N, C-alpha and C. Protein backbone atom coordinates (compact mmCIF):
# COMPACT_ATOMS: atom_id res chain seq x y z
N MET A 1 -87.96 33.11 81.27
CA MET A 1 -87.70 31.71 81.51
C MET A 1 -88.45 30.91 80.44
N ARG A 2 -87.79 29.89 79.92
CA ARG A 2 -88.41 29.04 78.89
C ARG A 2 -89.52 28.19 79.50
N ALA A 3 -90.41 27.74 78.66
CA ALA A 3 -91.58 26.98 79.12
C ALA A 3 -91.18 25.70 79.84
N GLU A 4 -90.18 24.98 79.31
CA GLU A 4 -89.78 23.73 79.98
C GLU A 4 -89.08 24.01 81.32
N ASP A 5 -88.36 25.13 81.42
CA ASP A 5 -87.76 25.53 82.69
C ASP A 5 -88.83 25.93 83.69
N GLU A 6 -89.84 26.64 83.20
CA GLU A 6 -90.95 27.04 84.05
C GLU A 6 -91.66 25.81 84.61
N ALA A 7 -91.88 24.82 83.78
CA ALA A 7 -92.54 23.58 84.22
C ALA A 7 -91.67 22.84 85.24
N ALA A 8 -90.37 22.81 85.00
CA ALA A 8 -89.45 22.14 85.94
C ALA A 8 -89.44 22.87 87.28
N PHE A 9 -89.47 24.20 87.24
CA PHE A 9 -89.49 24.97 88.48
C PHE A 9 -90.78 24.72 89.25
N ARG A 10 -91.91 24.72 88.56
CA ARG A 10 -93.19 24.46 89.21
C ARG A 10 -93.21 23.07 89.85
N GLU A 11 -92.68 22.11 89.15
CA GLU A 11 -92.62 20.73 89.67
C GLU A 11 -91.75 20.67 90.93
N LEU A 12 -90.61 21.34 90.89
CA LEU A 12 -89.73 21.39 92.06
C LEU A 12 -90.44 22.07 93.23
N PHE A 13 -91.11 23.18 92.97
CA PHE A 13 -91.83 23.88 94.02
C PHE A 13 -92.90 22.99 94.64
N ALA A 14 -93.67 22.33 93.80
CA ALA A 14 -94.74 21.46 94.29
C ALA A 14 -94.19 20.31 95.14
N GLY A 15 -93.03 19.82 94.78
CA GLY A 15 -92.45 18.68 95.50
C GLY A 15 -91.68 19.04 96.75
N ARG A 16 -91.12 20.24 96.82
CA ARG A 16 -90.22 20.57 97.93
C ARG A 16 -90.74 21.63 98.89
N ALA A 17 -91.73 22.41 98.52
CA ALA A 17 -92.17 23.53 99.34
C ALA A 17 -92.64 23.09 100.72
N ARG A 18 -93.37 22.00 100.80
CA ARG A 18 -93.92 21.56 102.09
C ARG A 18 -92.81 21.15 103.06
N SER A 19 -91.85 20.37 102.58
CA SER A 19 -90.78 19.93 103.50
C SER A 19 -89.86 21.10 103.88
N LEU A 20 -89.63 22.02 102.95
CA LEU A 20 -88.84 23.21 103.29
C LEU A 20 -89.57 24.08 104.31
N ARG A 21 -90.89 24.13 104.20
CA ARG A 21 -91.67 24.90 105.16
C ARG A 21 -91.54 24.31 106.56
N ARG A 22 -91.57 22.99 106.66
CA ARG A 22 -91.39 22.35 107.97
C ARG A 22 -90.01 22.64 108.54
N THR A 23 -88.99 22.57 107.69
CA THR A 23 -87.64 22.89 108.14
C THR A 23 -87.56 24.34 108.61
N ALA A 24 -88.15 25.24 107.84
CA ALA A 24 -88.14 26.66 108.22
C ALA A 24 -88.88 26.88 109.53
N TYR A 25 -89.98 26.16 109.73
CA TYR A 25 -90.72 26.29 110.99
C TYR A 25 -89.87 25.85 112.17
N LEU A 26 -89.16 24.75 112.00
CA LEU A 26 -88.30 24.29 113.09
C LEU A 26 -87.19 25.30 113.38
N LEU A 27 -86.74 26.01 112.37
CA LEU A 27 -85.72 27.03 112.58
C LEU A 27 -86.27 28.24 113.31
N CYS A 28 -87.42 28.74 112.86
CA CYS A 28 -87.89 30.03 113.39
C CYS A 28 -89.04 29.91 114.38
N GLY A 29 -89.78 28.80 114.37
CA GLY A 29 -90.86 28.62 115.33
C GLY A 29 -92.14 29.37 115.02
N ASP A 30 -92.29 29.86 113.80
CA ASP A 30 -93.48 30.62 113.41
C ASP A 30 -93.83 30.24 111.97
N TRP A 31 -95.06 29.75 111.77
CA TRP A 31 -95.46 29.29 110.44
C TRP A 31 -95.45 30.42 109.41
N HIS A 32 -95.79 31.62 109.82
CA HIS A 32 -95.82 32.75 108.88
C HIS A 32 -94.41 33.14 108.44
N ARG A 33 -93.51 33.20 109.39
CA ARG A 33 -92.10 33.48 109.04
C ARG A 33 -91.54 32.35 108.21
N ALA A 34 -91.95 31.11 108.51
CA ALA A 34 -91.48 29.95 107.73
C ALA A 34 -91.91 30.10 106.27
N GLU A 35 -93.14 30.53 106.04
CA GLU A 35 -93.62 30.76 104.68
C GLU A 35 -92.76 31.82 103.98
N ASP A 36 -92.44 32.90 104.69
CA ASP A 36 -91.61 33.95 104.12
C ASP A 36 -90.22 33.44 103.76
N LEU A 37 -89.64 32.62 104.63
CA LEU A 37 -88.31 32.08 104.36
C LEU A 37 -88.32 31.16 103.14
N VAL A 38 -89.34 30.33 103.03
CA VAL A 38 -89.45 29.44 101.87
C VAL A 38 -89.64 30.25 100.61
N GLN A 39 -90.47 31.27 100.68
CA GLN A 39 -90.68 32.13 99.52
C GLN A 39 -89.38 32.80 99.10
N THR A 40 -88.61 33.28 100.06
CA THR A 40 -87.32 33.89 99.76
C THR A 40 -86.40 32.90 99.06
N ALA A 41 -86.36 31.67 99.54
CA ALA A 41 -85.50 30.65 98.94
C ALA A 41 -85.91 30.37 97.49
N PHE A 42 -87.20 30.24 97.24
CA PHE A 42 -87.65 29.95 95.88
C PHE A 42 -87.51 31.15 94.95
N VAL A 43 -87.68 32.36 95.47
CA VAL A 43 -87.48 33.55 94.64
C VAL A 43 -86.02 33.64 94.21
N LYS A 44 -85.10 33.37 95.13
CA LYS A 44 -83.67 33.41 94.78
C LYS A 44 -83.33 32.32 93.78
N LEU A 45 -83.92 31.14 93.94
CA LEU A 45 -83.69 30.06 92.97
C LEU A 45 -84.24 30.45 91.61
N TYR A 46 -85.43 31.01 91.57
CA TYR A 46 -86.05 31.42 90.31
C TYR A 46 -85.16 32.44 89.58
N ALA A 47 -84.63 33.39 90.36
CA ALA A 47 -83.79 34.43 89.76
C ALA A 47 -82.49 33.88 89.19
N SER A 48 -82.00 32.80 89.77
CA SER A 48 -80.72 32.24 89.30
C SER A 48 -80.90 30.92 88.58
N TRP A 49 -82.11 30.60 88.14
CA TRP A 49 -82.41 29.31 87.51
C TRP A 49 -81.52 29.04 86.30
N ALA A 50 -81.30 30.04 85.46
CA ALA A 50 -80.50 29.85 84.25
C ALA A 50 -79.04 29.55 84.58
N LYS A 51 -78.57 30.01 85.73
CA LYS A 51 -77.17 29.83 86.12
C LYS A 51 -76.91 28.47 86.76
N VAL A 52 -77.96 27.82 87.26
CA VAL A 52 -77.80 26.55 87.96
C VAL A 52 -77.48 25.47 86.94
N ARG A 53 -76.31 24.90 87.06
CA ARG A 53 -75.86 23.87 86.12
C ARG A 53 -76.25 22.47 86.57
N GLU A 54 -76.13 22.22 87.85
CA GLU A 54 -76.39 20.89 88.39
C GLU A 54 -77.79 20.85 88.98
N ARG A 55 -78.71 20.29 88.26
CA ARG A 55 -80.10 20.22 88.72
C ARG A 55 -80.24 19.29 89.92
N GLU A 56 -79.28 18.37 90.11
CA GLU A 56 -79.33 17.46 91.26
C GLU A 56 -79.04 18.19 92.57
N ALA A 57 -78.41 19.34 92.48
CA ALA A 57 -78.01 20.08 93.67
C ALA A 57 -79.06 21.12 94.09
N LEU A 58 -80.24 21.09 93.52
CA LEU A 58 -81.25 22.10 93.83
C LEU A 58 -81.73 22.01 95.27
N ASP A 59 -81.89 20.79 95.80
CA ASP A 59 -82.30 20.65 97.20
C ASP A 59 -81.28 21.29 98.13
N SER A 60 -80.02 21.03 97.87
CA SER A 60 -78.96 21.60 98.68
C SER A 60 -78.95 23.13 98.55
N TYR A 61 -79.12 23.62 97.34
CA TYR A 61 -79.15 25.07 97.12
C TYR A 61 -80.31 25.71 97.89
N LEU A 62 -81.50 25.12 97.78
CA LEU A 62 -82.67 25.67 98.48
C LEU A 62 -82.47 25.66 99.99
N ARG A 63 -81.94 24.56 100.52
CA ARG A 63 -81.74 24.46 101.96
C ARG A 63 -80.70 25.50 102.42
N THR A 64 -79.64 25.68 101.64
CA THR A 64 -78.62 26.66 101.99
C THR A 64 -79.20 28.07 102.00
N VAL A 65 -79.95 28.41 100.97
CA VAL A 65 -80.57 29.74 100.91
C VAL A 65 -81.54 29.93 102.06
N LEU A 66 -82.32 28.90 102.37
CA LEU A 66 -83.28 28.97 103.47
C LEU A 66 -82.59 29.25 104.80
N VAL A 67 -81.55 28.50 105.10
CA VAL A 67 -80.84 28.66 106.37
C VAL A 67 -80.15 30.01 106.44
N ARG A 68 -79.54 30.42 105.35
CA ARG A 68 -78.86 31.72 105.35
C ARG A 68 -79.85 32.87 105.49
N ALA A 69 -81.02 32.75 104.87
CA ALA A 69 -82.05 33.77 105.01
C ALA A 69 -82.52 33.83 106.46
N TYR A 70 -82.67 32.67 107.09
CA TYR A 70 -83.07 32.64 108.50
C TYR A 70 -82.02 33.30 109.39
N VAL A 71 -80.75 32.95 109.20
CA VAL A 71 -79.69 33.51 110.04
C VAL A 71 -79.58 35.01 109.81
N ASP A 72 -79.69 35.45 108.55
CA ASP A 72 -79.64 36.89 108.26
C ASP A 72 -80.80 37.62 108.92
N GLU A 73 -81.97 37.00 108.90
CA GLU A 73 -83.15 37.62 109.49
C GLU A 73 -83.01 37.77 111.01
N THR A 74 -82.39 36.79 111.65
CA THR A 74 -82.23 36.88 113.11
C THR A 74 -81.25 37.96 113.52
N ARG A 75 -80.44 38.40 112.59
CA ARG A 75 -79.49 39.47 112.89
C ARG A 75 -80.12 40.85 112.84
N ARG A 76 -81.31 40.95 112.25
CA ARG A 76 -81.98 42.24 112.15
C ARG A 76 -82.54 42.64 113.50
N PRO A 77 -82.33 43.88 113.93
CA PRO A 77 -82.84 44.31 115.23
C PRO A 77 -84.35 44.19 115.37
N SER A 78 -85.09 44.39 114.30
CA SER A 78 -86.55 44.33 114.38
C SER A 78 -87.04 42.92 114.72
N ARG A 79 -86.25 41.89 114.46
CA ARG A 79 -86.65 40.52 114.74
C ARG A 79 -86.25 40.07 116.13
N ARG A 80 -85.47 40.84 116.82
CA ARG A 80 -84.97 40.42 118.13
C ARG A 80 -85.98 40.63 119.25
N GLU A 81 -86.91 41.54 119.06
CA GLU A 81 -87.86 41.79 120.13
C GLU A 81 -89.23 41.27 119.75
N ARG A 82 -89.93 40.77 120.74
CA ARG A 82 -91.28 40.26 120.54
C ARG A 82 -92.21 41.10 121.40
N LEU A 83 -93.26 41.61 120.78
CA LEU A 83 -94.18 42.46 121.50
C LEU A 83 -95.24 41.67 122.26
N PHE A 84 -95.44 40.41 121.91
CA PHE A 84 -96.43 39.58 122.57
C PHE A 84 -95.93 38.14 122.56
N GLY A 85 -96.51 37.33 123.41
CA GLY A 85 -96.13 35.93 123.50
C GLY A 85 -96.68 35.12 122.34
N ASP A 86 -96.33 33.87 122.30
CA ASP A 86 -96.83 32.98 121.25
C ASP A 86 -98.30 32.69 121.46
N VAL A 87 -99.07 32.91 120.42
CA VAL A 87 -100.50 32.61 120.46
C VAL A 87 -100.72 31.43 119.52
N PRO A 88 -101.26 30.33 120.01
CA PRO A 88 -101.45 29.17 119.14
C PRO A 88 -102.50 29.46 118.07
N ASP A 89 -102.32 28.87 116.89
CA ASP A 89 -103.28 29.03 115.81
C ASP A 89 -104.58 28.30 116.10
N TYR A 90 -104.49 27.19 116.83
CA TYR A 90 -105.67 26.40 117.16
C TYR A 90 -105.39 25.61 118.42
N ALA A 91 -106.45 25.18 119.07
CA ALA A 91 -106.32 24.42 120.32
C ALA A 91 -105.94 22.98 119.99
N VAL A 92 -105.03 22.43 120.78
CA VAL A 92 -104.60 21.06 120.59
C VAL A 92 -104.69 20.34 121.92
N ALA A 93 -105.36 19.23 121.93
CA ALA A 93 -105.39 18.41 123.14
C ALA A 93 -104.08 17.65 123.22
N GLU A 94 -103.39 17.80 124.33
CA GLU A 94 -102.08 17.17 124.46
C GLU A 94 -102.20 15.69 124.74
N SER A 95 -101.36 14.94 124.08
CA SER A 95 -101.21 13.51 124.35
C SER A 95 -99.73 13.22 124.42
N GLY A 96 -99.36 12.00 124.72
CA GLY A 96 -97.96 11.65 124.93
C GLY A 96 -97.01 12.15 123.87
N GLY A 97 -97.15 11.69 122.64
CA GLY A 97 -96.22 12.05 121.58
C GLY A 97 -96.30 13.51 121.18
N LEU A 98 -97.51 14.02 121.03
CA LEU A 98 -97.69 15.40 120.61
C LEU A 98 -97.18 16.38 121.68
N GLY A 99 -97.43 16.06 122.94
CA GLY A 99 -96.94 16.91 124.02
C GLY A 99 -95.43 17.00 124.03
N ASP A 100 -94.77 15.86 123.81
CA ASP A 100 -93.30 15.86 123.74
C ASP A 100 -92.81 16.70 122.58
N ARG A 101 -93.47 16.56 121.42
CA ARG A 101 -93.05 17.33 120.25
C ARG A 101 -93.24 18.82 120.47
N MET A 102 -94.35 19.19 121.10
CA MET A 102 -94.60 20.61 121.36
C MET A 102 -93.59 21.16 122.36
N GLU A 103 -93.29 20.38 123.38
CA GLU A 103 -92.30 20.80 124.37
C GLU A 103 -90.92 20.95 123.73
N LEU A 104 -90.58 19.99 122.88
CA LEU A 104 -89.30 20.04 122.18
C LEU A 104 -89.24 21.24 121.24
N ALA A 105 -90.34 21.51 120.51
CA ALA A 105 -90.37 22.66 119.59
C ALA A 105 -90.25 23.97 120.36
N ALA A 106 -90.91 24.06 121.51
CA ALA A 106 -90.81 25.28 122.33
C ALA A 106 -89.39 25.48 122.84
N ALA A 107 -88.76 24.40 123.28
CA ALA A 107 -87.37 24.50 123.76
C ALA A 107 -86.44 24.84 122.61
N LEU A 108 -86.70 24.28 121.44
CA LEU A 108 -85.86 24.53 120.27
C LEU A 108 -85.89 26.00 119.89
N ARG A 109 -87.02 26.67 120.08
CA ARG A 109 -87.12 28.10 119.78
C ARG A 109 -86.24 28.95 120.70
N GLN A 110 -85.84 28.41 121.84
CA GLN A 110 -85.00 29.15 122.78
C GLN A 110 -83.51 28.94 122.53
N VAL A 111 -83.17 28.00 121.67
CA VAL A 111 -81.76 27.73 121.35
C VAL A 111 -81.28 28.82 120.38
N PRO A 112 -80.05 29.32 120.54
CA PRO A 112 -79.53 30.35 119.64
C PRO A 112 -79.60 29.92 118.17
N PRO A 113 -79.77 30.87 117.26
CA PRO A 113 -80.03 30.57 115.85
C PRO A 113 -79.04 29.62 115.18
N ARG A 114 -77.75 29.83 115.33
CA ARG A 114 -76.77 28.96 114.66
C ARG A 114 -76.83 27.54 115.22
N GLN A 115 -76.98 27.40 116.53
CA GLN A 115 -77.11 26.08 117.13
C GLN A 115 -78.39 25.41 116.66
N ARG A 116 -79.47 26.18 116.61
CA ARG A 116 -80.75 25.64 116.15
C ARG A 116 -80.65 25.17 114.71
N ALA A 117 -79.99 25.96 113.86
CA ALA A 117 -79.82 25.57 112.46
C ALA A 117 -79.05 24.25 112.36
N CYS A 118 -78.00 24.11 113.15
CA CYS A 118 -77.24 22.85 113.15
C CYS A 118 -78.10 21.68 113.60
N LEU A 119 -78.88 21.87 114.65
CA LEU A 119 -79.72 20.78 115.16
C LEU A 119 -80.79 20.38 114.14
N VAL A 120 -81.43 21.36 113.53
CA VAL A 120 -82.48 21.06 112.56
C VAL A 120 -81.91 20.34 111.34
N LEU A 121 -80.81 20.86 110.81
CA LEU A 121 -80.22 20.23 109.63
C LEU A 121 -79.66 18.84 109.93
N ARG A 122 -79.05 18.68 111.09
CA ARG A 122 -78.44 17.39 111.43
C ARG A 122 -79.48 16.32 111.79
N PHE A 123 -80.46 16.68 112.64
CA PHE A 123 -81.35 15.65 113.18
C PHE A 123 -82.73 15.63 112.54
N TYR A 124 -83.19 16.74 112.00
CA TYR A 124 -84.49 16.72 111.34
C TYR A 124 -84.34 16.42 109.86
N ASP A 125 -83.44 17.15 109.19
CA ASP A 125 -83.21 16.92 107.77
C ASP A 125 -82.24 15.78 107.52
N ASP A 126 -81.64 15.25 108.58
CA ASP A 126 -80.76 14.08 108.52
C ASP A 126 -79.57 14.30 107.58
N LEU A 127 -78.96 15.50 107.66
CA LEU A 127 -77.77 15.78 106.86
C LEU A 127 -76.53 15.36 107.63
N SER A 128 -75.49 15.04 106.90
CA SER A 128 -74.22 14.72 107.53
C SER A 128 -73.56 16.01 108.01
N VAL A 129 -72.48 15.86 108.77
CA VAL A 129 -71.74 17.03 109.24
C VAL A 129 -71.22 17.82 108.04
N THR A 130 -70.73 17.13 107.03
CA THR A 130 -70.19 17.78 105.83
C THR A 130 -71.28 18.56 105.10
N GLU A 131 -72.46 17.95 104.92
CA GLU A 131 -73.55 18.62 104.23
C GLU A 131 -74.07 19.81 105.03
N THR A 132 -74.11 19.67 106.35
CA THR A 132 -74.56 20.77 107.20
C THR A 132 -73.57 21.93 107.12
N ALA A 133 -72.28 21.61 107.14
CA ALA A 133 -71.26 22.66 107.02
C ALA A 133 -71.38 23.39 105.70
N ALA A 134 -71.65 22.66 104.63
CA ALA A 134 -71.82 23.30 103.32
C ALA A 134 -73.05 24.19 103.30
N ALA A 135 -74.14 23.74 103.90
CA ALA A 135 -75.37 24.53 103.93
C ALA A 135 -75.20 25.81 104.75
N LEU A 136 -74.43 25.73 105.83
CA LEU A 136 -74.24 26.88 106.70
C LEU A 136 -73.05 27.74 106.29
N GLY A 137 -72.21 27.22 105.41
CA GLY A 137 -71.03 27.97 104.98
C GLY A 137 -69.99 28.10 106.08
N CYS A 138 -69.76 27.01 106.81
CA CYS A 138 -68.79 27.04 107.90
C CYS A 138 -67.99 25.74 107.89
N ALA A 139 -67.05 25.62 108.81
CA ALA A 139 -66.22 24.43 108.91
C ALA A 139 -66.97 23.29 109.61
N GLU A 140 -66.56 22.06 109.33
CA GLU A 140 -67.18 20.90 109.96
C GLU A 140 -67.03 20.93 111.48
N GLY A 141 -65.90 21.41 111.95
CA GLY A 141 -65.69 21.52 113.40
C GLY A 141 -66.68 22.47 114.05
N THR A 142 -67.04 23.52 113.32
CA THR A 142 -68.03 24.47 113.83
C THR A 142 -69.39 23.79 113.96
N VAL A 143 -69.73 22.98 112.96
CA VAL A 143 -71.01 22.25 113.01
C VAL A 143 -71.02 21.31 114.22
N LYS A 144 -69.93 20.61 114.43
CA LYS A 144 -69.86 19.68 115.56
C LYS A 144 -69.99 20.41 116.90
N SER A 145 -69.28 21.52 117.05
CA SER A 145 -69.33 22.24 118.32
C SER A 145 -70.69 22.90 118.53
N GLN A 146 -71.26 23.48 117.46
CA GLN A 146 -72.57 24.11 117.58
C GLN A 146 -73.66 23.07 117.87
N THR A 147 -73.53 21.88 117.30
CA THR A 147 -74.48 20.81 117.56
C THR A 147 -74.38 20.36 119.02
N ALA A 148 -73.18 20.18 119.50
CA ALA A 148 -72.99 19.77 120.90
C ALA A 148 -73.53 20.82 121.86
N LYS A 149 -73.24 22.09 121.58
CA LYS A 149 -73.75 23.16 122.44
C LYS A 149 -75.27 23.23 122.38
N GLY A 150 -75.82 23.06 121.18
CA GLY A 150 -77.27 23.10 121.01
C GLY A 150 -77.96 21.97 121.76
N LEU A 151 -77.39 20.76 121.69
CA LEU A 151 -77.96 19.64 122.44
C LEU A 151 -77.87 19.88 123.94
N GLY A 152 -76.76 20.45 124.38
CA GLY A 152 -76.61 20.79 125.80
C GLY A 152 -77.64 21.81 126.24
N THR A 153 -77.86 22.81 125.41
CA THR A 153 -78.86 23.83 125.72
C THR A 153 -80.26 23.22 125.79
N LEU A 154 -80.58 22.35 124.82
CA LEU A 154 -81.89 21.69 124.83
C LEU A 154 -82.07 20.84 126.07
N ARG A 155 -81.06 20.08 126.43
CA ARG A 155 -81.16 19.23 127.62
C ARG A 155 -81.35 20.07 128.88
N ALA A 156 -80.65 21.19 128.95
CA ALA A 156 -80.80 22.08 130.11
C ALA A 156 -82.21 22.68 130.16
N LEU A 157 -82.75 23.04 129.02
CA LEU A 157 -84.09 23.62 128.96
C LEU A 157 -85.17 22.60 129.29
N LEU A 158 -84.98 21.37 128.83
CA LEU A 158 -86.00 20.35 129.02
C LEU A 158 -85.90 19.64 130.36
N GLY A 159 -84.73 19.65 130.95
CA GLY A 159 -84.54 19.02 132.25
C GLY A 159 -84.81 17.53 132.25
N SER A 160 -85.41 17.03 133.31
CA SER A 160 -85.63 15.60 133.45
C SER A 160 -86.78 15.10 132.58
N HIS A 161 -87.57 16.03 132.01
CA HIS A 161 -88.71 15.63 131.16
C HIS A 161 -88.29 15.49 129.71
N SER A 162 -87.01 15.46 129.47
CA SER A 162 -86.48 15.50 128.12
C SER A 162 -86.91 14.30 127.28
N PRO A 163 -87.50 14.58 126.09
CA PRO A 163 -87.77 13.50 125.14
C PRO A 163 -86.52 13.10 124.37
N LEU A 164 -85.40 13.81 124.61
CA LEU A 164 -84.15 13.48 123.96
C LEU A 164 -83.46 12.32 124.66
N PRO A 165 -82.81 11.45 123.90
CA PRO A 165 -82.02 10.41 124.56
C PRO A 165 -80.82 11.05 125.25
N LEU A 166 -80.27 10.37 126.23
CA LEU A 166 -79.14 10.93 126.95
C LEU A 166 -77.91 11.07 126.07
N GLU A 167 -77.74 10.16 125.13
CA GLU A 167 -76.59 10.20 124.22
C GLU A 167 -77.06 10.12 122.81
N LEU A 168 -76.56 11.00 121.95
CA LEU A 168 -76.89 10.92 120.52
C LEU A 168 -75.67 10.60 119.73
């Protein structure tokens, strides 16, 4: 890789890694797996850097690779079973907003992977239906139905304590 390409890649990594990590965490619910997913996305981008013609589309490319890596990973049998429950990295005193976010994140981890991907891309990353469909490699109707099912699943999991509005 040329020196100016290397500098551009480093700049992109410095600017986007943190937000991609948050997106990956919302998808998988584990900071360590989120780091792995982000690393996978950037490794694939690095390998195909010379082929990328539209530098404006790098965010979309990274997000697409990230989501596809997550979905592929959930299909592996070794990832389907958990030998122990979630152990928090540190103690957090619950308060109104933080408690709701933690409850929502825990419920989001129980939503099926494709529905979760739709919810994260649509409501956290604020992508349109068209952009979400492109990132997931599916039809817009699939994004709409998976989003509706995912919201229904979240509402059922959260019950009357839902921090979600009744209508989105």
